[in-house]
Amino acid sequence: MDIALVVEDCLTEREAIASYLQQGGISVLAAKSGEEALEKMSDCKPDIIILDVVLPGRSGFELCRALKANPSTKNTPVILCSRKGTDMDKFWGLKQGADAYLPKPVAPEEFIRTVKQLLLVSHGETTLMV
């Protein structure tokens, strides 16, 4: 079973995203900050990471950039989910290495479809259809 790490400081948003993932058959680890996410990743390597952009301490943009620069996590898909949904925010998120950028509130069907496509690609089972 695939494991997703959800990095979200808002409890309501974190629980909603976790619920969508669990309904899609994906196990969930949760963290409230980038630092907590890195600690959890030292114990368990997730198959996909869902990041909020606005986090306490290190932003989702900064964490995404660090994950994509690290040889052990560079191939792990990262989805940025944020209320910051302008075209420039999306452009900047993808420029930081994110594999997808979804505005909040996330549409459950689109969210799960995106997660599953990225997992298939990361497992080498298909090519991404955009």
Protein backbone atom coordinates (compact mmCIF):
# COMPACT_ATOMS: atom_id res chain seq x y z
CA MET A 1 0.00 0.00 0.00
CA ASP A 2 1.29 3.45 -0.90
CA ILE A 3 2.05 5.96 1.84
CA ALA A 4 1.39 9.70 1.55
CA LEU A 5 2.91 12.33 3.80
CA VAL A 6 0.52 15.26 4.27
CA VAL A 7 2.26 18.42 5.49
CA GLU A 8 -0.48 20.84 6.54
CA ASP A 9 -0.68 23.08 9.61
CA CYS A 10 -4.49 23.47 9.55
CA LEU A 11 -6.14 20.50 11.29
CA THR A 12 -9.34 20.71 9.22
CA GLU A 13 -7.46 20.76 5.90
CA ARG A 14 -5.09 18.01 7.06
CA GLU A 15 -8.00 15.76 8.06
CA ALA A 16 -9.88 16.41 4.78
CA ILE A 17 -6.84 15.59 2.64
CA ALA A 18 -6.07 12.51 4.77
CA SER A 19 -9.66 11.34 4.37
CA TYR A 20 -9.53 11.66 0.56
CA LEU A 21 -6.28 9.70 0.48
CA GLN A 22 -7.57 6.95 2.78
CA GLN A 23 -10.74 6.62 0.68
CA GLY A 24 -8.39 6.17 -2.29
CA GLY A 25 -6.63 3.29 -0.52
CA ILE A 26 -3.52 5.24 0.49
CA SER A 27 -2.01 5.21 3.99
CA VAL A 28 -1.36 8.62 5.53
CA LEU A 29 1.36 10.14 7.66
CA ALA A 30 0.72 13.71 8.80
CA ALA A 31 2.94 16.60 9.84
CA LYS A 32 2.19 20.20 10.87
CA SER A 33 5.47 21.73 9.71
CA GLY A 34 8.36 21.14 7.37
CA GLU A 35 10.61 20.22 10.28
CA GLU A 36 8.13 17.63 11.55
CA ALA A 37 7.81 16.27 8.00
CA LEU A 38 11.57 15.77 7.74
CA GLU A 39 11.59 13.97 11.11
CA LYS A 40 8.80 11.61 9.97
CA MET A 41 10.62 10.99 6.70
CA SER A 42 13.70 9.80 8.59
CA ASP A 43 11.56 6.92 9.95
CA CYS A 44 9.45 6.14 6.88
CA LYS A 45 9.93 7.10 3.23
CA PRO A 46 6.57 8.16 1.77
CA ASP A 47 5.60 7.34 -1.81
CA ILE A 48 4.14 10.83 -2.32
CA ILE A 49 4.22 14.13 -0.41
CA ILE A 50 1.40 16.67 -0.25
CA LEU A 51 2.59 20.09 0.93
CA ASP A 52 0.79 23.24 1.95
CA VAL A 53 2.65 26.35 0.80
CA VAL A 54 2.16 28.44 3.95
CA LEU A 55 3.67 26.50 6.85
CA PRO A 56 5.26 27.51 10.15
CA GLY A 57 9.04 27.82 9.76
CA ARG A 58 10.06 26.59 6.33
CA SER A 59 7.52 27.23 3.54
CA GLY A 60 6.20 24.49 1.30
CA PHE A 61 8.16 26.06 -1.57
CA GLU A 62 11.39 25.81 0.44
CA LEU A 63 10.67 22.26 1.56
CA CYS A 64 9.81 21.18 -1.99
CA ARG A 65 13.06 22.67 -3.30
CA ALA A 66 15.04 20.85 -0.56
CA LEU A 67 13.29 17.53 -1.23
CA LYS A 68 13.94 17.74 -4.97
CA ALA A 69 17.61 18.61 -4.36
CA ASN A 70 18.12 15.60 -2.07
CA PRO A 71 19.18 12.43 -3.95
CA SER A 72 17.11 10.20 -1.62
CA THR A 73 13.86 12.14 -2.16
CA LYS A 74 14.28 13.79 -5.58
CA ASN A 75 12.10 11.18 -7.32
CA THR A 76 9.33 11.25 -4.72
CA PRO A 77 6.32 13.05 -6.23
CA VAL A 78 5.36 16.31 -4.51
CA ILE A 79 1.97 17.99 -4.80
CA LEU A 80 1.65 21.55 -3.54
CA CYS A 81 -1.86 22.36 -2.27
CA SER A 82 -2.54 25.93 -1.27
CA ARG A 83 -5.06 28.73 -1.06
CA LYS A 84 -2.37 30.68 -2.91
CA GLY A 85 -3.76 29.74 -6.30
CA THR A 86 -2.69 32.48 -8.69
CA ASP A 87 -0.95 31.57 -11.93
CA MET A 88 2.28 33.00 -10.49
CA ASP A 89 1.96 30.80 -7.35
CA LYS A 90 1.45 27.74 -9.55
CA PHE A 91 4.36 28.73 -11.80
CA TRP A 92 6.63 29.26 -8.78
CA GLY A 93 5.58 25.96 -7.19
CA LEU A 94 6.33 23.99 -10.35
CA LYS A 95 9.62 25.91 -10.70
CA GLN A 96 10.57 24.64 -7.20
CA GLY A 97 10.19 21.08 -8.48
CA ALA A 98 6.60 20.24 -7.54
CA ASP A 99 5.02 17.59 -9.74
CA ALA A 100 1.57 19.21 -9.41
CA TYR A 101 -0.02 22.31 -7.87
CA LEU A 102 -3.65 22.16 -6.77
CA PRO A 103 -5.56 25.10 -5.32
CA LYS A 104 -7.57 24.69 -2.10
CA PRO A 105 -10.17 23.73 -1.41
CA VAL A 106 -9.14 20.68 -3.39
CA ALA A 107 -11.75 18.86 -5.46
CA PRO A 108 -11.61 15.29 -4.09
CA GLU A 109 -11.89 13.57 -7.49
CA GLU A 110 -9.20 15.72 -9.14
CA PHE A 111 -6.97 15.36 -6.08
CA ILE A 112 -7.14 11.55 -6.00
CA ARG A 113 -6.76 11.32 -9.78
CA THR A 114 -3.61 13.47 -9.60
CA VAL A 115 -2.19 11.47 -6.68
CA LYS A 116 -2.80 8.13 -8.40
CA GLN A 117 -1.32 9.32 -11.72
CA LEU A 118 1.84 10.56 -9.97
CA LEU A 119 2.15 7.29 -8.03
CA LEU A 120 1.82 5.25 -11.23
CA VAL A 121 4.50 7.33 -12.92
CA SER A 122 6.84 7.12 -9.91
CA HIS A 123 6.41 3.32 -9.85
CA GLY A 124 7.25 3.24 -13.56
CA GLU A 125 3.84 1.86 -14.53
CA THR A 126 2.71 4.53 -16.98
CA THR A 127 3.45 7.97 -18.34
CA LEU A 128 1.76 11.08 -16.99
CA MET A 129 -1.24 12.27 -18.97
CA VAL A 130 -1.62 16.02 -18.62
